[in-house]
């Protein structure tokens, strides 16, 4: 009697691997997700930056419509639509625009933190004024000292969580303007 093998024909070891399968379903989904995120990031760009990009009219209209949608389900469908519109396009320039905008926002935040740090130090310590003058010799010393005095006087009893006075804001504006000009 012959043993039963259960299967006739070529065995799995005999098969050649098929390299022409294309991208996996997971990688296609990841690409679609990335395009949807890019579409949302484009929609969040300021109008001036968006106008500078060479966008197709249907994509430009879809981005404009994105801002008027409030319902969660509709928003989700519209994100997918944005991704679908971006699918056939060369998105390198759009990605670059989004990256440049994000980098600019981070630089602005760092600059504002530096201004806040200087303001805190100048109001808290007289030595900070000497450090400021050493780093920025062209400063109008009399005006800066009067702003520091006013900030100390008006905000002496103010808790850090409370709103500061006009002198506090004026000192901030002075420091920000000086650092922006320098």
C-alpha atoms as a PDB file:
ATOM      1  CA  UNK A   1       0.000   0.000   0.000  1.00  0.00           C
ATOM      2  CA  UNK A   2       1.089   3.518  -0.764  1.00  0.00           C
ATOM      3  CA  UNK A   3       1.384   6.042   2.019  1.00  0.00           C
ATOM      4  CA  UNK A   4      -1.055   8.945   1.823  1.00  0.00           C
ATOM      5  CA  UNK A   5       0.807  12.227   1.477  1.00  0.00           C
ATOM      6  CA  UNK A   6      -2.286  14.417   1.379  1.00  0.00           C
ATOM      7  CA  UNK A   7      -1.099  16.611  -1.426  1.00  0.00           C
ATOM      8  CA  UNK A   8       0.105  16.110  -4.893  1.00  0.00           C
ATOM      9  CA  UNK A   9       2.008  18.538  -7.054  1.00  0.00           C
ATOM     10  CA  UNK A  10       4.868  20.866  -6.177  1.00  0.00           C
ATOM     11  CA  UNK A  11       5.733  21.153  -2.536  1.00  0.00           C
ATOM     12  CA  UNK A  12       6.302  24.549  -0.800  1.00  0.00           C
ATOM     13  CA  UNK A  13      10.048  24.008  -0.934  1.00  0.00           C
ATOM     14  CA  UNK A  14       9.859  23.795  -4.691  1.00  0.00           C
ATOM     15  CA  UNK A  15       8.097  27.161  -5.140  1.00  0.00           C
ATOM     16  CA  UNK A  16      10.066  30.230  -6.105  1.00  0.00           C
ATOM     17  CA  UNK A  17       9.417  33.409  -4.112  1.00  0.00           C
ATOM     18  CA  UNK A  18       7.378  36.024  -5.960  1.00  0.00           C
ATOM     19  CA  UNK A  19       9.181  39.375  -5.671  1.00  0.00           C
ATOM     20  CA  UNK A  20       6.559  41.304  -7.652  1.00  0.00           C
ATOM     21  CA  UNK A  21       4.007  41.562  -4.875  1.00  0.00           C
ATOM     22  CA  UNK A  22       4.419  45.331  -4.503  1.00  0.00           C
ATOM     23  CA  UNK A  23       4.169  47.284  -1.269  1.00  0.00           C
ATOM     24  CA  UNK A  24       2.464  45.666   1.683  1.00  0.00           C
ATOM     25  CA  UNK A  25      -0.959  46.720   2.854  1.00  0.00           C
ATOM     26  CA  UNK A  26       0.591  48.101   6.038  1.00  0.00           C
ATOM     27  CA  UNK A  27       3.009  50.333   4.154  1.00  0.00           C
ATOM     28  CA  UNK A  28       0.190  51.598   1.920  1.00  0.00           C
ATOM     29  CA  UNK A  29      -1.849  52.499   4.999  1.00  0.00           C
ATOM     30  CA  UNK A  30       1.165  54.268   6.516  1.00  0.00           C
ATOM     31  CA  UNK A  31       1.626  56.281   3.315  1.00  0.00           C
ATOM     32  CA  UNK A  32      -2.057  57.240   3.296  1.00  0.00           C
ATOM     33  CA  UNK A  33      -1.843  58.283   6.958  1.00  0.00           C
ATOM     34  CA  UNK A  34       1.232  60.416   6.228  1.00  0.00           C
ATOM     35  CA  UNK A  35      -0.559  62.124   3.333  1.00  0.00           C
ATOM     36  CA  UNK A  36      -3.588  62.818   5.543  1.00  0.00           C
ATOM     37  CA  UNK A  37      -1.352  64.352   8.205  1.00  0.00           C
ATOM     38  CA  UNK A  38       0.354  66.458   5.546  1.00  0.00           C
ATOM     39  CA  UNK A  39      -3.048  67.661   4.326  1.00  0.00           C
ATOM     40  CA  UNK A  40      -4.044  68.722   7.846  1.00  0.00           C
ATOM     41  CA  UNK A  41      -0.669  70.415   8.367  1.00  0.00           C
ATOM     42  CA  UNK A  42      -1.146  72.327   5.114  1.00  0.00           C
ATOM     43  CA  UNK A  43      -4.591  73.409   6.281  1.00  0.00           C
ATOM     44  CA  UNK A  44      -3.045  74.786   9.477  1.00  0.00           C
ATOM     45  CA  UNK A  45      -0.545  76.976   7.610  1.00  0.00           C
ATOM     46  CA  UNK A  46      -1.267  80.719   7.608  1.00  0.00           C
ATOM     47  CA  UNK A  47      -2.970  81.981   4.431  1.00  0.00           C
ATOM     48  CA  UNK A  48       0.146  83.900   3.375  1.00  0.00           C
ATOM     49  CA  UNK A  49       2.289  80.747   3.417  1.00  0.00           C
ATOM     50  CA  UNK A  50      -0.436  78.744   1.702  1.00  0.00           C
ATOM     51  CA  UNK A  51      -0.742  81.328  -1.064  1.00  0.00           C
ATOM     52  CA  UNK A  52       2.975  80.994  -1.810  1.00  0.00           C
ATOM     53  CA  UNK A  53       2.585  77.275  -2.583  1.00  0.00           C
ATOM     54  CA  UNK A  54       1.689  76.005  -6.032  1.00  0.00           C
ATOM     55  CA  UNK A  55      -1.400  73.983  -5.091  1.00  0.00           C
ATOM     56  CA  UNK A  56      -3.950  72.521  -7.494  1.00  0.00           C
ATOM     57  CA  UNK A  57      -7.313  74.294  -7.308  1.00  0.00           C
ATOM     58  CA  UNK A  58      -9.197  71.269  -5.956  1.00  0.00           C
ATOM     59  CA  UNK A  59      -6.651  70.878  -3.132  1.00  0.00           C
ATOM     60  CA  UNK A  60      -6.762  74.611  -2.363  1.00  0.00           C
ATOM     61  CA  UNK A  61     -10.594  74.455  -2.171  1.00  0.00           C
ATOM     62  CA  UNK A  62     -10.479  71.345   0.036  1.00  0.00           C
ATOM     63  CA  UNK A  63      -8.055  73.081   2.412  1.00  0.00           C
ATOM     64  CA  UNK A  64     -10.379  76.097   2.589  1.00  0.00           C
ATOM     65  CA  UNK A  65     -13.321  73.779   3.318  1.00  0.00           C
ATOM     66  CA  UNK A  66     -11.378  72.020   6.091  1.00  0.00           C
ATOM     67  CA  UNK A  67     -11.721  75.037   8.380  1.00  0.00           C
ATOM     68  CA  UNK A  68     -15.520  75.124   8.146  1.00  0.00           C
ATOM     69  CA  UNK A  69     -16.072  71.492   9.144  1.00  0.00           C
ATOM     70  CA  UNK A  70     -16.934  70.996  12.810  1.00  0.00           C
ATOM     71  CA  UNK A  71     -18.403  67.476  13.081  1.00  0.00           C
ATOM     72  CA  UNK A  72     -15.881  64.800  14.030  1.00  0.00           C
ATOM     73  CA  UNK A  73     -16.981  62.261  11.430  1.00  0.00           C
ATOM     74  CA  UNK A  74     -17.058  64.836   8.651  1.00  0.00           C
ATOM     75  CA  UNK A  75     -13.643  66.096   9.709  1.00  0.00           C
ATOM     76  CA  UNK A  76     -12.256  62.572   9.568  1.00  0.00           C
ATOM     77  CA  UNK A  77     -13.703  62.024   6.081  1.00  0.00           C
ATOM     78  CA  UNK A  78     -12.288  65.347   4.924  1.00  0.00           C
ATOM     79  CA  UNK A  79      -8.818  64.437   6.214  1.00  0.00           C
ATOM     80  CA  UNK A  80      -9.005  61.285   4.115  1.00  0.00           C
ATOM     81  CA  UNK A  81     -10.120  63.364   1.145  1.00  0.00           C
ATOM     82  CA  UNK A  82      -7.122  65.681   1.591  1.00  0.00           C
ATOM     83  CA  UNK A  83      -4.851  62.627   1.649  1.00  0.00           C
ATOM     84  CA  UNK A  84      -6.476  61.295  -1.507  1.00  0.00           C
ATOM     85  CA  UNK A  85      -5.932  64.613  -3.294  1.00  0.00           C
ATOM     86  CA  UNK A  86      -2.264  64.598  -2.281  1.00  0.00           C
ATOM     87  CA  UNK A  87      -1.753  60.993  -3.363  1.00  0.00           C
ATOM     88  CA  UNK A  88      -0.813  61.676  -6.958  1.00  0.00           C
ATOM     89  CA  UNK A  89       1.194  64.837  -6.330  1.00  0.00           C
ATOM     90  CA  UNK A  90       4.846  65.509  -5.642  1.00  0.00           C
ATOM     91  CA  UNK A  91       4.592  66.535  -1.992  1.00  0.00           C
ATOM     92  CA  UNK A  92       8.226  67.440  -1.344  1.00  0.00           C
ATOM     93  CA  UNK A  93       7.637  71.206  -1.610  1.00  0.00           C
ATOM     94  CA  UNK A  94       4.570  70.977   0.645  1.00  0.00           C
ATOM     95  CA  UNK A  95       6.470  68.996   3.281  1.00  0.00           C
ATOM     96  CA  UNK A  96       9.283  71.555   3.165  1.00  0.00           C
ATOM     97  CA  UNK A  97       6.818  74.426   3.678  1.00  0.00           C
ATOM     98  CA  UNK A  98       5.283  72.711   6.706  1.00  0.00           C
ATOM     99  CA  UNK A  99       8.734  71.983   8.184  1.00  0.00           C
ATOM    100  CA  UNK A 100       9.887  75.583   7.657  1.00  0.00           C
ATOM    101  CA  UNK A 101       6.774  76.919   9.347  1.00  0.00           C
ATOM    102  CA  UNK A 102       7.225  74.587  12.325  1.00  0.00           C
ATOM    103  CA  UNK A 103      10.899  75.530  12.642  1.00  0.00           C
ATOM    104  CA  UNK A 104      10.011  79.232  12.553  1.00  0.00           C
ATOM    105  CA  UNK A 105       7.454  78.785  15.322  1.00  0.00           C
ATOM    106  CA  UNK A 106      10.014  77.032  17.507  1.00  0.00           C
ATOM    107  CA  UNK A 107      12.554  79.809  16.918  1.00  0.00           C
ATOM    108  CA  UNK A 108       9.969  82.435  17.860  1.00  0.00           C
ATOM    109  CA  UNK A 109       9.149  80.548  21.053  1.00  0.00           C
ATOM    110  CA  UNK A 110      12.837  80.358  21.978  1.00  0.00           C
ATOM    111  CA  UNK A 111      13.220  84.097  21.381  1.00  0.00           C
ATOM    112  CA  UNK A 112      10.219  84.889  23.582  1.00  0.00           C
ATOM    113  CA  UNK A 113      11.578  82.661  26.349  1.00  0.00           C
ATOM    114  CA  UNK A 114      14.884  84.501  26.155  1.00  0.00           C
ATOM    115  CA  UNK A 115      13.083  87.856  26.484  1.00  0.00           C
ATOM    116  CA  UNK A 116      11.093  86.585  29.475  1.00  0.00           C
ATOM    117  CA  UNK A 117      14.252  85.279  31.132  1.00  0.00           C
ATOM    118  CA  UNK A 118      16.005  88.650  30.709  1.00  0.00           C
ATOM    119  CA  UNK A 119      12.996  90.512  32.070  1.00  0.00           C
ATOM    120  CA  UNK A 120      12.785  88.262  35.142  1.00  0.00           C
ATOM    121  CA  UNK A 121      16.511  88.632  35.819  1.00  0.00           C
ATOM    122  CA  UNK A 122      16.561  92.415  35.308  1.00  0.00           C
ATOM    123  CA  UNK A 123      13.680  92.953  37.725  1.00  0.00           C
ATOM    124  CA  UNK A 124      15.010  90.493  40.301  1.00  0.00           C
ATOM    125  CA  UNK A 125      18.700  91.424  40.398  1.00  0.00           C
ATOM    126  CA  UNK A 126      20.855  94.546  39.878  1.00  0.00           C
ATOM    127  CA  UNK A 127      23.739  92.361  38.650  1.00  0.00           C
ATOM    128  CA  UNK A 128      21.576  91.349  35.686  1.00  0.00           C
ATOM    129  CA  UNK A 129      21.688  94.945  34.434  1.00  0.00           C
ATOM    130  CA  UNK A 130      25.494  94.807  34.414  1.00  0.00           C
ATOM    131  CA  UNK A 131      25.384  91.525  32.464  1.00  0.00           C
ATOM    132  CA  UNK A 132      22.877  93.038  30.011  1.00  0.00           C
ATOM    133  CA  UNK A 133      25.078  96.098  29.449  1.00  0.00           C
ATOM    134  CA  UNK A 134      28.141  93.886  28.939  1.00  0.00           C
ATOM    135  CA  UNK A 135      26.330  91.846  26.275  1.00  0.00           C
ATOM    136  CA  UNK A 136      24.471  94.789  24.705  1.00  0.00           C
ATOM    137  CA  UNK A 137      26.640  97.925  25.009  1.00  0.00           C
ATOM    138  CA  UNK A 138      24.468 100.087  22.719  1.00  0.00           C
ATOM    139  CA  UNK A 139      21.461 100.028  25.059  1.00  0.00           C
ATOM    140  CA  UNK A 140      19.758 103.236  26.206  1.00  0.00           C
ATOM    141  CA  UNK A 141      20.737 102.767  29.865  1.00  0.00           C
ATOM    142  CA  UNK A 142      18.557 105.533  31.325  1.00  0.00           C
ATOM    143  CA  UNK A 143      15.420 104.253  29.625  1.00  0.00           C
ATOM    144  CA  UNK A 144      16.147 100.641  30.629  1.00  0.00           C
ATOM    145  CA  UNK A 145      16.775 101.615  34.263  1.00  0.00           C
ATOM    146  CA  UNK A 146      13.544 103.608  34.410  1.00  0.00           C
ATOM    147  CA  UNK A 147      11.605 100.624  33.013  1.00  0.00           C
ATOM    148  CA  UNK A 148      13.195  98.296  35.563  1.00  0.00           C
ATOM    149  CA  UNK A 149      12.438 100.701  38.428  1.00  0.00           C
ATOM    150  CA  UNK A 150       8.828 101.081  37.317  1.00  0.00           C
ATOM    151  CA  UNK A 151       8.399  97.324  36.986  1.00  0.00           C
ATOM    152  CA  UNK A 152       9.827  96.780  40.475  1.00  0.00           C
ATOM    153  CA  UNK A 153       7.666  99.538  41.963  1.00  0.00           C
ATOM    154  CA  UNK A 154       4.345  98.595  40.394  1.00  0.00           C
ATOM    155  CA  UNK A 155       4.748  94.857  40.667  1.00  0.00           C
ATOM    156  CA  UNK A 156       6.314  94.609  44.120  1.00  0.00           C
ATOM    157  CA  UNK A 157       3.208  93.151  45.788  1.00  0.00           C
ATOM    158  CA  UNK A 158       2.016  91.138  42.840  1.00  0.00           C
ATOM    159  CA  UNK A 159       2.070  87.362  43.082  1.00  0.00           C
ATOM    160  CA  UNK A 160       3.629  85.538  40.117  1.00  0.00           C
ATOM    161  CA  UNK A 161       0.250  84.033  39.198  1.00  0.00           C
ATOM    162  CA  UNK A 162      -1.449  87.446  39.042  1.00  0.00           C
ATOM    163  CA  UNK A 163      -1.450  89.754  36.052  1.00  0.00           C
ATOM    164  CA  UNK A 164       1.467  92.172  35.969  1.00  0.00           C
ATOM    165  CA  UNK A 165       1.203  95.896  35.349  1.00  0.00           C
ATOM    166  CA  UNK A 166       1.927  98.137  32.407  1.00  0.00           C
ATOM    167  CA  UNK A 167       5.576  98.654  33.388  1.00  0.00           C
ATOM    168  CA  UNK A 168       6.148  94.908  33.267  1.00  0.00           C
ATOM    169  CA  UNK A 169       4.795  94.771  29.703  1.00  0.00           C
ATOM    170  CA  UNK A 170       6.767  97.865  28.649  1.00  0.00           C
ATOM    171  CA  UNK A 171      10.000  96.272  29.862  1.00  0.00           C
ATOM    172  CA  UNK A 172       9.164  93.147  27.872  1.00  0.00           C
ATOM    173  CA  UNK A 173       8.529  95.217  24.720  1.00  0.00           C
ATOM    174  CA  UNK A 174      11.807  97.093  25.170  1.00  0.00           C
ATOM    175  CA  UNK A 175      13.858  93.901  25.555  1.00  0.00           C
ATOM    176  CA  UNK A 176      12.086  92.156  22.668  1.00  0.00           C
ATOM    177  CA  UNK A 177      12.584  95.111  20.337  1.00  0.00           C
ATOM    178  CA  UNK A 178      16.223  95.495  21.284  1.00  0.00           C
ATOM    179  CA  UNK A 179      16.979  91.806  20.744  1.00  0.00           C
ATOM    180  CA  UNK A 180      15.058  91.810  17.427  1.00  0.00           C
ATOM    181  CA  UNK A 181      17.087  94.801  16.183  1.00  0.00           C
ATOM    182  CA  UNK A 182      20.400  93.312  17.325  1.00  0.00           C
END
